[in-house]
Amino acid sequence: MIIAVDGPAASGKGTMAALLARHYGLPHLDTGLLYRGVGRAVIAALADAGLEAKAVEAAVGLDKKNLDPVTLGTPEIGLAASQVSRFGRVRAALLQHQRDFAAQPGGAVLDGRDIGTRICPDADVKFFITAAPEVRARRRAEQLAAQGVKANEDEILRQILDRDAADRDNPAGAFYPAKDAHLLDTSELDIETAFRAALGIVEGAIARKGGQRH
């Protein structure tokens, strides 16, 4: 069973994907960490004329087993990730790793921005998780504060809006809900309620497939 979870920054898609993976005993890949890893590697060169070549080199040589979500979770690295993800060759360098992860025996849960549209278009269940920008900014500020990182919620909101715009306009991306994706707005839902809703959708898909989890 392959579950694709897409959505914008700080929408809760990563938390949702992790919970679904744990519930069904499936491996989980936060594909955004791949791009954040590349973004971190070239963050000092974002204004350089040779950024694309440096980003492609970083993507090809990326240590995909050593991507710390706390270290890579800053808004600045998020914006850098958005910038490098605009390069088609960067996306191509990371594409096969994502598809190979999804093709594991038994399936997997992947979250990102183009899982249901490009990485796993034939996923058994697709979600597009969203929330109001203000809600996402508050959540990200609280997350950073819990990690001991001082955060300005207004600045985070500005960065989230910038990231949303960059993702939507990305010529190399596919950041939009897949036609068969289940839209889940978590603006007014706590994680437990949102998870129950998502679980109901997955169980319904399993039932329609005759109870087979493949």
N, C-alpha and C. Protein backbone atom coordinates (compact mmCIF):
# COMPACT_ATOMS: atom_id res chain seq x y z
N MET A 1 0.84 -1.19 0.00
CA MET A 1 0.00 0.00 0.00
C MET A 1 0.87 1.24 0.00
N ILE A 2 0.66 2.11 -0.95
CA ILE A 2 1.40 3.36 -1.04
C ILE A 2 0.46 4.50 -0.70
N ILE A 3 0.85 5.33 0.26
CA ILE A 3 0.07 6.50 0.66
C ILE A 3 0.88 7.75 0.34
N ALA A 4 0.29 8.64 -0.44
CA ALA A 4 0.94 9.89 -0.83
C ALA A 4 0.30 11.03 -0.05
N VAL A 5 1.12 11.84 0.60
CA VAL A 5 0.62 12.95 1.41
C VAL A 5 1.31 14.23 0.94
N ASP A 6 0.56 15.09 0.29
CA ASP A 6 1.09 16.37 -0.20
C ASP A 6 0.50 17.53 0.57
N GLY A 7 1.13 18.69 0.44
CA GLY A 7 0.60 19.89 1.07
C GLY A 7 1.67 20.95 1.23
N PRO A 8 1.28 22.16 1.58
CA PRO A 8 2.24 23.25 1.76
C PRO A 8 3.00 23.14 3.07
N ALA A 9 3.95 24.05 3.25
CA ALA A 9 4.78 24.07 4.46
C ALA A 9 3.93 24.24 5.71
N ALA A 10 4.26 23.48 6.74
CA ALA A 10 3.64 23.58 8.07
C ALA A 10 2.14 23.29 8.06
N SER A 11 1.68 22.51 7.10
CA SER A 11 0.26 22.16 7.04
C SER A 11 -0.07 20.98 7.94
N GLY A 12 0.96 20.26 8.37
CA GLY A 12 0.75 19.06 9.17
C GLY A 12 0.91 17.78 8.38
N LYS A 13 1.34 17.90 7.12
CA LYS A 13 1.44 16.71 6.27
C LYS A 13 2.49 15.73 6.79
N GLY A 14 3.60 16.26 7.31
CA GLY A 14 4.65 15.38 7.81
C GLY A 14 4.20 14.60 9.03
N THR A 15 3.52 15.28 9.94
CA THR A 15 3.00 14.62 11.13
C THR A 15 1.97 13.57 10.74
N MET A 16 1.10 13.93 9.80
CA MET A 16 0.08 13.00 9.35
C MET A 16 0.71 11.77 8.70
N ALA A 17 1.69 11.99 7.85
CA ALA A 17 2.35 10.87 7.18
C ALA A 17 3.02 9.95 8.18
N ALA A 18 3.68 10.55 9.18
CA ALA A 18 4.36 9.74 10.19
C ALA A 18 3.37 8.90 10.99
N LEU A 19 2.23 9.49 11.32
CA LEU A 19 1.22 8.75 12.08
C LEU A 19 0.63 7.60 11.25
N LEU A 20 0.37 7.86 9.99
CA LEU A 20 -0.17 6.80 9.12
C LEU A 20 0.86 5.69 8.94
N ALA A 21 2.12 6.07 8.77
CA ALA A 21 3.17 5.07 8.62
C ALA A 21 3.29 4.19 9.86
N ARG A 22 3.22 4.83 11.02
CA ARG A 22 3.32 4.08 12.28
C ARG A 22 2.12 3.15 12.44
N HIS A 23 0.94 3.64 12.11
CA HIS A 23 -0.28 2.84 12.28
C HIS A 23 -0.25 1.59 11.41
N TYR A 24 0.21 1.75 10.16
CA TYR A 24 0.19 0.63 9.22
C TYR A 24 1.52 -0.12 9.14
N GLY A 25 2.49 0.30 9.93
CA GLY A 25 3.78 -0.37 9.93
C GLY A 25 4.54 -0.23 8.63
N LEU A 26 4.44 0.96 8.02
CA LEU A 26 5.08 1.21 6.74
C LEU A 26 6.25 2.18 6.90
N PRO A 27 7.27 2.07 6.06
CA PRO A 27 8.36 3.05 6.08
C PRO A 27 7.85 4.41 5.62
N HIS A 28 8.46 5.47 6.14
CA HIS A 28 8.01 6.83 5.83
C HIS A 28 9.17 7.66 5.31
N LEU A 29 8.93 8.40 4.25
CA LEU A 29 9.94 9.30 3.70
C LEU A 29 9.37 10.72 3.62
N ASP A 30 10.02 11.64 4.31
CA ASP A 30 9.71 13.06 4.18
C ASP A 30 10.57 13.58 3.03
N THR A 31 10.00 13.67 1.84
CA THR A 31 10.79 14.03 0.66
C THR A 31 11.26 15.48 0.71
N GLY A 32 10.59 16.31 1.49
CA GLY A 32 11.03 17.68 1.62
C GLY A 32 12.42 17.78 2.22
N LEU A 33 12.79 16.80 3.05
CA LEU A 33 14.12 16.82 3.64
C LEU A 33 15.21 16.67 2.58
N LEU A 34 14.89 15.98 1.50
CA LEU A 34 15.87 15.85 0.42
C LEU A 34 16.21 17.22 -0.16
N TYR A 35 15.16 17.99 -0.44
CA TYR A 35 15.39 19.32 -1.01
C TYR A 35 15.98 20.28 0.02
N ARG A 36 15.59 20.11 1.27
CA ARG A 36 16.19 20.94 2.32
C ARG A 36 17.67 20.62 2.48
N GLY A 37 18.02 19.34 2.33
CA GLY A 37 19.43 18.97 2.40
C GLY A 37 20.24 19.62 1.29
N VAL A 38 19.67 19.65 0.09
CA VAL A 38 20.33 20.32 -1.03
C VAL A 38 20.40 21.82 -0.77
N GLY A 39 19.28 22.39 -0.28
CA GLY A 39 19.25 23.82 0.00
C GLY A 39 20.28 24.23 1.03
N ARG A 40 20.43 23.42 2.07
CA ARG A 40 21.43 23.73 3.09
C ARG A 40 22.84 23.69 2.50
N ALA A 41 23.07 22.74 1.61
CA ALA A 41 24.41 22.57 1.04
C ALA A 41 24.83 23.78 0.20
N VAL A 42 23.86 24.49 -0.38
CA VAL A 42 24.21 25.60 -1.28
C VAL A 42 23.68 26.93 -0.77
N ILE A 43 23.30 26.99 0.51
CA ILE A 43 22.63 28.19 1.01
C ILE A 43 23.51 29.44 0.92
N ALA A 44 24.82 29.25 0.94
CA ALA A 44 25.72 30.40 0.82
C ALA A 44 25.89 30.85 -0.62
N ALA A 45 25.34 30.07 -1.56
CA ALA A 45 25.53 30.39 -2.98
C ALA A 45 24.22 30.69 -3.69
N LEU A 46 23.16 31.02 -2.94
CA LEU A 46 21.85 31.19 -3.55
C LEU A 46 21.80 32.33 -4.56
N ALA A 47 22.67 33.31 -4.41
CA ALA A 47 22.68 34.44 -5.34
C ALA A 47 23.73 34.29 -6.43
N ASP A 48 24.43 33.16 -6.45
CA ASP A 48 25.51 32.96 -7.43
C ASP A 48 24.96 32.56 -8.79
N ALA A 49 25.67 32.96 -9.83
CA ALA A 49 25.26 32.61 -11.19
C ALA A 49 25.34 31.09 -11.41
N GLY A 50 26.24 30.43 -10.70
CA GLY A 50 26.41 29.00 -10.88
C GLY A 50 25.62 28.15 -9.91
N LEU A 51 24.54 28.71 -9.37
CA LEU A 51 23.77 28.00 -8.34
C LEU A 51 23.25 26.66 -8.85
N GLU A 52 22.71 26.62 -10.06
CA GLU A 52 22.10 25.38 -10.54
C GLU A 52 23.11 24.24 -10.56
N ALA A 53 24.28 24.49 -11.10
CA ALA A 53 25.29 23.44 -11.17
C ALA A 53 25.69 22.97 -9.77
N LYS A 54 25.81 23.90 -8.83
CA LYS A 54 26.16 23.53 -7.46
C LYS A 54 25.03 22.73 -6.81
N ALA A 55 23.79 23.12 -7.09
CA ALA A 55 22.65 22.42 -6.52
C ALA A 55 22.54 21.00 -7.07
N VAL A 56 22.78 20.84 -8.37
CA VAL A 56 22.74 19.50 -8.97
C VAL A 56 23.83 18.63 -8.37
N GLU A 57 25.02 19.18 -8.20
CA GLU A 57 26.12 18.42 -7.59
C GLU A 57 25.76 18.00 -6.17
N ALA A 58 25.13 18.92 -5.42
CA ALA A 58 24.73 18.60 -4.05
C ALA A 58 23.65 17.53 -4.03
N ALA A 59 22.73 17.58 -4.98
CA ALA A 59 21.65 16.59 -5.04
C ALA A 59 22.19 15.20 -5.37
N VAL A 60 23.13 15.14 -6.32
CA VAL A 60 23.71 13.85 -6.71
C VAL A 60 24.49 13.24 -5.54
N GLY A 61 25.19 14.07 -4.79
CA GLY A 61 26.02 13.57 -3.70
C GLY A 61 25.36 13.59 -2.34
N LEU A 62 24.06 13.87 -2.28
CA LEU A 62 23.36 14.01 -1.01
C LEU A 62 23.36 12.71 -0.21
N ASP A 63 23.73 12.81 1.07
CA ASP A 63 23.66 11.67 1.98
C ASP A 63 22.23 11.55 2.47
N LYS A 64 21.46 10.71 1.83
CA LYS A 64 20.02 10.63 2.09
C LYS A 64 19.68 9.95 3.41
N LYS A 65 20.67 9.36 4.05
CA LYS A 65 20.44 8.70 5.33
C LYS A 65 20.82 9.58 6.52
N ASN A 66 21.26 10.80 6.24
CA ASN A 66 21.72 11.68 7.31
C ASN A 66 21.09 13.06 7.17
N LEU A 67 19.76 13.09 7.23
CA LEU A 67 19.02 14.34 7.07
C LEU A 67 18.23 14.59 8.35
N ASP A 68 18.73 15.47 9.18
CA ASP A 68 18.12 15.74 10.48
C ASP A 68 16.98 16.75 10.33
N PRO A 69 15.75 16.37 10.63
CA PRO A 69 14.62 17.29 10.45
C PRO A 69 14.69 18.53 11.32
N VAL A 70 15.32 18.45 12.48
CA VAL A 70 15.44 19.63 13.34
C VAL A 70 16.41 20.63 12.73
N THR A 71 17.58 20.15 12.35
CA THR A 71 18.58 21.02 11.74
C THR A 71 18.07 21.64 10.44
N LEU A 72 17.33 20.86 9.67
CA LEU A 72 16.86 21.32 8.36
C LEU A 72 15.51 22.02 8.41
N GLY A 73 14.96 22.19 9.61
CA GLY A 73 13.59 22.69 9.74
C GLY A 73 13.43 24.19 9.78
N THR A 74 14.50 24.96 9.61
CA THR A 74 14.38 26.41 9.71
C THR A 74 13.70 26.99 8.48
N PRO A 75 13.00 28.12 8.63
CA PRO A 75 12.36 28.76 7.47
C PRO A 75 13.36 29.15 6.39
N GLU A 76 14.57 29.56 6.79
CA GLU A 76 15.59 29.96 5.82
C GLU A 76 15.98 28.79 4.92
N ILE A 77 16.16 27.62 5.52
CA ILE A 77 16.50 26.44 4.72
C ILE A 77 15.30 26.04 3.86
N GLY A 78 14.09 26.26 4.38
CA GLY A 78 12.89 25.97 3.60
C GLY A 78 12.83 26.81 2.33
N LEU A 79 13.17 28.09 2.43
CA LEU A 79 13.18 28.96 1.26
C LEU A 79 14.29 28.55 0.29
N ALA A 80 15.44 28.14 0.85
CA ALA A 80 16.52 27.66 -0.01
C ALA A 80 16.09 26.39 -0.75
N ALA A 81 15.37 25.51 -0.05
CA ALA A 81 14.87 24.29 -0.68
C ALA A 81 13.92 24.63 -1.83
N SER A 82 13.07 25.61 -1.61
CA SER A 82 12.14 26.03 -2.66
C SER A 82 12.89 26.54 -3.88
N GLN A 83 13.99 27.24 -3.63
CA GLN A 83 14.75 27.80 -4.74
C GLN A 83 15.45 26.71 -5.55
N VAL A 84 16.08 25.74 -4.89
CA VAL A 84 16.78 24.70 -5.64
C VAL A 84 15.82 23.73 -6.30
N SER A 85 14.59 23.61 -5.75
CA SER A 85 13.62 22.68 -6.34
C SER A 85 13.10 23.17 -7.68
N ARG A 86 13.43 24.41 -8.04
CA ARG A 86 13.02 24.95 -9.33
C ARG A 86 13.87 24.41 -10.48
N PHE A 87 14.96 23.76 -10.13
CA PHE A 87 15.85 23.23 -11.15
C PHE A 87 15.44 21.81 -11.51
N GLY A 88 15.09 21.60 -12.77
CA GLY A 88 14.65 20.29 -13.21
C GLY A 88 15.68 19.21 -12.98
N ARG A 89 16.96 19.55 -13.13
CA ARG A 89 18.01 18.54 -12.95
C ARG A 89 18.17 18.14 -11.49
N VAL A 90 17.86 19.06 -10.57
CA VAL A 90 17.87 18.71 -9.15
C VAL A 90 16.75 17.72 -8.87
N ARG A 91 15.57 18.00 -9.39
CA ARG A 91 14.43 17.11 -9.16
C ARG A 91 14.69 15.74 -9.79
N ALA A 92 15.31 15.74 -10.97
CA ALA A 92 15.62 14.47 -11.62
C ALA A 92 16.61 13.65 -10.80
N ALA A 93 17.57 14.34 -10.17
CA ALA A 93 18.58 13.63 -9.37
C ALA A 93 17.97 12.97 -8.15
N LEU A 94 16.85 13.51 -7.65
CA LEU A 94 16.22 12.97 -6.45
C LEU A 94 15.02 12.08 -6.75
N LEU A 95 14.58 12.08 -8.00
CA LEU A 95 13.35 11.37 -8.37
C LEU A 95 13.42 9.87 -8.11
N GLN A 96 14.48 9.22 -8.60
CA GLN A 96 14.52 7.76 -8.52
C GLN A 96 14.60 7.27 -7.09
N HIS A 97 15.30 8.02 -6.24
CA HIS A 97 15.37 7.62 -4.83
C HIS A 97 13.97 7.57 -4.22
N GLN A 98 13.15 8.56 -4.55
CA GLN A 98 11.79 8.61 -4.01
C GLN A 98 10.95 7.46 -4.54
N ARG A 99 11.06 7.18 -5.83
CA ARG A 99 10.28 6.09 -6.41
C ARG A 99 10.75 4.73 -5.90
N ASP A 100 12.05 4.59 -5.71
CA ASP A 100 12.57 3.34 -5.16
C ASP A 100 12.06 3.13 -3.73
N PHE A 101 12.00 4.20 -2.97
CA PHE A 101 11.50 4.11 -1.60
C PHE A 101 10.04 3.65 -1.61
N ALA A 102 9.24 4.20 -2.51
CA ALA A 102 7.83 3.84 -2.59
C ALA A 102 7.63 2.40 -3.04
N ALA A 103 8.59 1.88 -3.81
CA ALA A 103 8.44 0.54 -4.39
C ALA A 103 8.86 -0.59 -3.46
N GLN A 104 9.15 -0.27 -2.20
CA GLN A 104 9.55 -1.31 -1.25
C GLN A 104 8.42 -2.33 -1.08
N PRO A 105 8.77 -3.59 -0.80
CA PRO A 105 7.74 -4.60 -0.55
C PRO A 105 6.80 -4.14 0.57
N GLY A 106 5.52 -4.21 0.33
CA GLY A 106 4.54 -3.79 1.32
C GLY A 106 4.11 -2.35 1.19
N GLY A 107 4.93 -1.54 0.49
CA GLY A 107 4.55 -0.16 0.27
C GLY A 107 5.26 0.82 1.18
N ALA A 108 4.77 2.05 1.22
CA ALA A 108 5.41 3.10 1.99
C ALA A 108 4.48 4.31 2.06
N VAL A 109 4.83 5.23 2.94
CA VAL A 109 4.15 6.52 3.04
C VAL A 109 5.17 7.60 2.69
N LEU A 110 4.83 8.45 1.74
CA LEU A 110 5.72 9.54 1.35
C LEU A 110 4.96 10.85 1.46
N ASP A 111 5.64 11.87 1.99
CA ASP A 111 5.01 13.18 2.01
C ASP A 111 5.91 14.20 1.33
N GLY A 112 5.27 15.19 0.71
CA GLY A 112 6.01 16.21 -0.01
C GLY A 112 5.07 17.18 -0.70
N ARG A 113 5.44 17.55 -1.92
CA ARG A 113 4.63 18.51 -2.67
C ARG A 113 4.17 17.97 -4.02
N ASP A 114 4.78 16.88 -4.48
CA ASP A 114 4.37 16.34 -5.78
C ASP A 114 4.31 14.81 -5.75
N ILE A 115 4.02 14.26 -4.57
CA ILE A 115 4.00 12.79 -4.45
C ILE A 115 2.84 12.20 -5.25
N GLY A 116 1.65 12.73 -5.05
CA GLY A 116 0.49 12.19 -5.74
C GLY A 116 0.40 12.57 -7.20
N THR A 117 1.08 13.66 -7.57
CA THR A 117 1.01 14.13 -8.96
C THR A 117 2.14 13.60 -9.82
N ARG A 118 3.32 13.42 -9.25
CA ARG A 118 4.48 13.07 -10.07
C ARG A 118 5.25 11.86 -9.56
N ILE A 119 5.51 11.78 -8.28
CA ILE A 119 6.36 10.70 -7.77
C ILE A 119 5.60 9.37 -7.76
N CYS A 120 4.39 9.37 -7.20
CA CYS A 120 3.59 8.15 -7.10
C CYS A 120 2.18 8.41 -7.63
N PRO A 121 2.05 8.65 -8.92
CA PRO A 121 0.72 8.94 -9.47
C PRO A 121 -0.27 7.80 -9.33
N ASP A 122 0.22 6.58 -9.08
CA ASP A 122 -0.66 5.42 -8.93
C ASP A 122 -0.79 5.00 -7.46
N ALA A 123 -0.50 5.91 -6.53
CA ALA A 123 -0.61 5.59 -5.11
C ALA A 123 -2.01 5.11 -4.77
N ASP A 124 -2.10 4.21 -3.79
CA ASP A 124 -3.40 3.67 -3.40
C ASP A 124 -4.30 4.73 -2.77
N VAL A 125 -3.69 5.61 -1.99
CA VAL A 125 -4.44 6.70 -1.34
C VAL A 125 -3.61 7.97 -1.44
N LYS A 126 -4.28 9.06 -1.82
CA LYS A 126 -3.59 10.35 -1.93
C LYS A 126 -4.30 11.39 -1.05
N PHE A 127 -3.49 12.15 -0.33
CA PHE A 127 -4.01 13.25 0.48
C PHE A 127 -3.38 14.56 0.04
N PHE A 128 -4.14 15.63 0.17
CA PHE A 128 -3.58 16.98 0.07
C PHE A 128 -3.98 17.69 1.35
N ILE A 129 -3.00 17.85 2.24
CA ILE A 129 -3.25 18.45 3.55
C ILE A 129 -2.99 19.95 3.46
N THR A 130 -3.91 20.75 3.96
CA THR A 130 -3.73 22.19 3.91
C THR A 130 -4.22 22.83 5.20
N ALA A 131 -3.93 24.11 5.36
CA ALA A 131 -4.40 24.90 6.50
C ALA A 131 -4.16 26.36 6.15
N ALA A 132 -4.87 27.25 6.82
CA ALA A 132 -4.70 28.67 6.58
C ALA A 132 -3.26 29.09 6.88
N PRO A 133 -2.70 30.02 6.10
CA PRO A 133 -1.31 30.44 6.33
C PRO A 133 -1.04 30.90 7.75
N GLU A 134 -1.99 31.63 8.34
CA GLU A 134 -1.81 32.12 9.71
C GLU A 134 -1.71 30.97 10.70
N VAL A 135 -2.51 29.94 10.48
CA VAL A 135 -2.46 28.76 11.35
C VAL A 135 -1.12 28.04 11.19
N ARG A 136 -0.67 27.93 9.96
CA ARG A 136 0.60 27.26 9.71
C ARG A 136 1.76 28.03 10.33
N ALA A 137 1.71 29.36 10.27
CA ALA A 137 2.76 30.18 10.86
C ALA A 137 2.80 30.00 12.37
N ARG A 138 1.62 29.96 12.99
CA ARG A 138 1.57 29.77 14.44
C ARG A 138 2.13 28.40 14.82
N ARG A 139 1.76 27.37 14.06
CA ARG A 139 2.25 26.03 14.35
C ARG A 139 3.77 25.95 14.21
N ARG A 140 4.29 26.55 13.15
CA ARG A 140 5.73 26.50 12.94
C ARG A 140 6.47 27.25 14.05
N ALA A 141 5.93 28.39 14.48
CA ALA A 141 6.54 29.16 15.57
C ALA A 141 6.54 28.34 16.85
N GLU A 142 5.43 27.65 17.13
CA GLU A 142 5.35 26.82 18.33
C GLU A 142 6.32 25.65 18.24
N GLN A 143 6.45 25.08 17.06
CA GLN A 143 7.38 23.96 16.86
C GLN A 143 8.82 24.40 17.11
N LEU A 144 9.18 25.56 16.57
CA LEU A 144 10.54 26.07 16.75
C LEU A 144 10.79 26.42 18.22
N ALA A 145 9.78 27.02 18.86
CA ALA A 145 9.92 27.39 20.28
C ALA A 145 10.15 26.14 21.13
N ALA A 146 9.45 25.06 20.80
CA ALA A 146 9.61 23.81 21.54
C ALA A 146 11.01 23.23 21.39
N GLN A 147 11.67 23.60 20.29
CA GLN A 147 13.04 23.15 20.04
C GLN A 147 14.06 24.13 20.61
N GLY A 148 13.56 25.17 21.28
CA GLY A 148 14.45 26.16 21.87
C GLY A 148 14.94 27.20 20.89
N VAL A 149 14.25 27.32 19.74
CA VAL A 149 14.65 28.29 18.72
C VAL A 149 13.73 29.50 18.79
N LYS A 150 14.30 30.68 18.93
CA LYS A 150 13.51 31.90 18.98
C LYS A 150 12.90 32.15 17.62
N ALA A 151 11.59 32.43 17.59
CA ALA A 151 10.90 32.58 16.31
C ALA A 151 9.97 33.79 16.34
N ASN A 152 9.94 34.51 15.21
CA ASN A 152 9.04 35.64 15.02
C ASN A 152 7.89 35.17 14.14
N GLU A 153 6.69 35.09 14.70
CA GLU A 153 5.56 34.53 13.96
C GLU A 153 5.23 35.34 12.72
N ASP A 154 5.33 36.67 12.79
CA ASP A 154 5.04 37.49 11.61
C ASP A 154 6.04 37.21 10.49
N GLU A 155 7.30 37.04 10.86
CA GLU A 155 8.32 36.74 9.86
C GLU A 155 8.11 35.35 9.27
N ILE A 156 7.72 34.42 10.11
CA ILE A 156 7.44 33.07 9.62
C ILE A 156 6.27 33.09 8.65
N LEU A 157 5.23 33.88 8.95
CA LEU A 157 4.09 33.99 8.05
C LEU A 157 4.54 34.53 6.70
N ARG A 158 5.38 35.56 6.72
CA ARG A 158 5.86 36.12 5.45
C ARG A 158 6.63 35.06 4.66
N GLN A 159 7.46 34.29 5.35
CA GLN A 159 8.24 33.26 4.68
C GLN A 159 7.35 32.15 4.13
N ILE A 160 6.29 31.81 4.87
CA ILE A 160 5.36 30.78 4.40
C ILE A 160 4.64 31.26 3.14
N LEU A 161 4.19 32.51 3.13
CA LEU A 161 3.52 33.05 1.95
C LEU A 161 4.48 33.08 0.75
N ASP A 162 5.73 33.45 1.01
CA ASP A 162 6.73 33.45 -0.06
C ASP A 162 6.96 32.04 -0.58
N ARG A 163 7.04 31.08 0.34
CA ARG A 163 7.26 29.69 -0.06
C ARG A 163 6.07 29.16 -0.85
N ASP A 164 4.86 29.49 -0.42
CA ASP A 164 3.67 29.05 -1.14
C ASP A 164 3.70 29.56 -2.58
N ALA A 165 4.02 30.85 -2.73
CA ALA A 165 4.05 31.46 -4.06
C ALA A 165 5.12 30.81 -4.93
N ALA A 166 6.29 30.57 -4.33
CA ALA A 166 7.39 29.95 -5.09
C ALA A 166 7.03 28.53 -5.51
N ASP A 167 6.38 27.79 -4.62
CA ASP A 167 5.99 26.41 -4.95
C ASP A 167 4.94 26.38 -6.06
N ARG A 168 3.96 27.28 -5.98
CA ARG A 168 2.92 27.31 -7.01
C ARG A 168 3.49 27.67 -8.38
N ASP A 169 4.48 28.54 -8.38
CA ASP A 169 5.03 29.03 -9.65
C ASP A 169 6.23 28.22 -10.13
N ASN A 170 6.55 27.15 -9.45
CA ASN A 170 7.72 26.35 -9.79
C ASN A 170 7.53 25.68 -11.15
N PRO A 171 8.31 26.07 -12.16
CA PRO A 171 8.13 25.47 -13.49
C PRO A 171 8.51 24.00 -13.55
N ALA A 172 9.32 23.54 -12.59
CA ALA A 172 9.76 22.15 -12.60
C ALA A 172 8.93 21.29 -11.66
N GLY A 173 8.01 21.89 -10.95
CA GLY A 173 7.25 21.16 -9.94
C GLY A 173 5.87 20.74 -10.41
N ALA A 174 5.14 20.14 -9.50
CA ALA A 174 3.75 19.72 -9.77
C ALA A 174 2.97 19.88 -8.48
N PHE A 175 3.04 21.11 -7.92
CA PHE A 175 2.46 21.36 -6.60
C PHE A 175 1.00 21.78 -6.73
N TYR A 176 0.15 20.78 -6.76
CA TYR A 176 -1.29 20.99 -6.79
C TYR A 176 -1.94 19.67 -6.40
N PRO A 177 -3.16 19.70 -5.91
CA PRO A 177 -3.80 18.43 -5.53
C PRO A 177 -4.00 17.53 -6.74
N ALA A 178 -3.64 16.28 -6.61
CA ALA A 178 -3.95 15.31 -7.66
C ALA A 178 -5.47 15.22 -7.80
N LYS A 179 -5.93 14.87 -8.98
CA LYS A 179 -7.38 14.82 -9.23
C LYS A 179 -8.09 13.86 -8.29
N ASP A 180 -7.41 12.81 -7.88
CA ASP A 180 -8.03 11.82 -7.01
C ASP A 180 -7.55 11.95 -5.56
N ALA A 181 -6.98 13.11 -5.21
CA ALA A 181 -6.51 13.31 -3.83
C ALA A 181 -7.66 13.70 -2.91
N HIS A 182 -7.55 13.31 -1.66
CA HIS A 182 -8.52 13.69 -0.64
C HIS A 182 -8.02 14.97 0.03
N LEU A 183 -8.79 16.04 -0.10
CA LEU A 183 -8.41 17.31 0.50
C LEU A 183 -8.78 17.31 1.98
N LEU A 184 -7.81 17.64 2.82
CA LEU A 184 -8.05 17.68 4.26
C LEU A 184 -7.51 18.99 4.81
N ASP A 185 -8.43 19.88 5.19
CA ASP A 185 -8.06 21.18 5.75
C ASP A 185 -7.98 21.03 7.27
N THR A 186 -6.79 21.24 7.82
CA THR A 186 -6.58 21.03 9.25
C THR A 186 -6.59 22.33 10.05
N SER A 187 -7.07 23.41 9.44
CA SER A 187 -7.04 24.71 10.11
C SER A 187 -7.70 24.67 11.48
N GLU A 188 -8.82 23.95 11.57
CA GLU A 188 -9.58 23.92 12.82
C GLU A 188 -9.61 22.53 13.43
N LEU A 189 -8.66 21.69 13.03
CA LEU A 189 -8.61 20.33 13.54
C LEU A 189 -7.34 20.11 14.35
N ASP A 190 -7.46 19.44 15.48
CA ASP A 190 -6.23 19.03 16.17
C ASP A 190 -5.73 17.78 15.47
N ILE A 191 -4.51 17.37 15.78
CA ILE A 191 -3.90 16.29 15.03
C ILE A 191 -4.65 14.97 15.21
N GLU A 192 -5.20 14.74 16.40
CA GLU A 192 -5.93 13.48 16.62
C GLU A 192 -7.17 13.40 15.75
N THR A 193 -7.91 14.53 15.67
CA THR A 193 -9.12 14.56 14.84
C THR A 193 -8.77 14.41 13.37
N ALA A 194 -7.72 15.11 12.94
CA ALA A 194 -7.30 15.02 11.55
C ALA A 194 -6.84 13.60 11.21
N PHE A 195 -6.13 12.98 12.14
CA PHE A 195 -5.65 11.62 11.90
C PHE A 195 -6.81 10.64 11.78
N ARG A 196 -7.80 10.79 12.64
CA ARG A 196 -8.97 9.90 12.54
C ARG A 196 -9.66 10.05 11.20
N ALA A 197 -9.75 11.27 10.72
CA ALA A 197 -10.38 11.51 9.41
C ALA A 197 -9.56 10.83 8.30
N ALA A 198 -8.24 11.00 8.36
CA ALA A 198 -7.38 10.40 7.35
C ALA A 198 -7.44 8.87 7.43
N LEU A 199 -7.47 8.34 8.65
CA LEU A 199 -7.52 6.89 8.83
C LEU A 199 -8.80 6.32 8.23
N GLY A 200 -9.90 7.04 8.40
CA GLY A 200 -11.16 6.60 7.82
C GLY A 200 -11.09 6.52 6.30
N ILE A 201 -10.39 7.48 5.69
CA ILE A 201 -10.24 7.50 4.24
C ILE A 201 -9.40 6.32 3.78
N VAL A 202 -8.30 6.04 4.49
CA VAL A 202 -7.44 4.91 4.11
C VAL A 202 -8.18 3.59 4.29
N GLU A 203 -8.88 3.44 5.39
CA GLU A 203 -9.62 2.20 5.63
C GLU A 203 -10.70 2.00 4.57
N GLY A 204 -11.32 3.09 4.14
CA GLY A 204 -12.31 2.99 3.08
C GLY A 204 -11.68 2.51 1.78
N ALA A 205 -10.48 3.01 1.48
CA ALA A 205 -9.78 2.58 0.27
C ALA A 205 -9.40 1.11 0.35
N ILE A 206 -8.97 0.68 1.53
CA ILE A 206 -8.62 -0.73 1.71
C ILE A 206 -9.86 -1.61 1.52
N ALA A 207 -10.97 -1.18 2.08
CA ALA A 207 -12.21 -1.96 1.94
C ALA A 207 -12.64 -2.08 0.47
N ARG A 208 -12.49 -0.97 -0.26
CA ARG A 208 -12.88 -1.00 -1.68
C ARG A 208 -11.98 -1.92 -2.49
N LYS A 209 -10.75 -2.13 -2.02
CA LYS A 209 -9.82 -3.00 -2.72
C LYS A 209 -9.90 -4.44 -2.20
N GLY A 210 -10.91 -4.72 -1.43
CA GLY A 210 -11.13 -6.07 -0.94
C GLY A 210 -10.30 -6.42 0.27
N GLY A 211 -9.88 -5.40 1.02
CA GLY A 211 -9.15 -5.67 2.25
C GLY A 211 -7.68 -5.94 2.07
N GLN A 212 -7.18 -5.82 0.84
CA GLN A 212 -5.78 -6.11 0.59
C GLN A 212 -4.94 -4.85 0.80
N ARG A 213 -3.92 -4.98 1.63
CA ARG A 213 -2.98 -3.86 1.85
C ARG A 213 -1.70 -4.18 1.07
N HIS A 214 -1.59 -3.58 -0.11
CA HIS A 214 -0.45 -3.93 -0.98
C HIS A 214 0.31 -2.70 -1.36
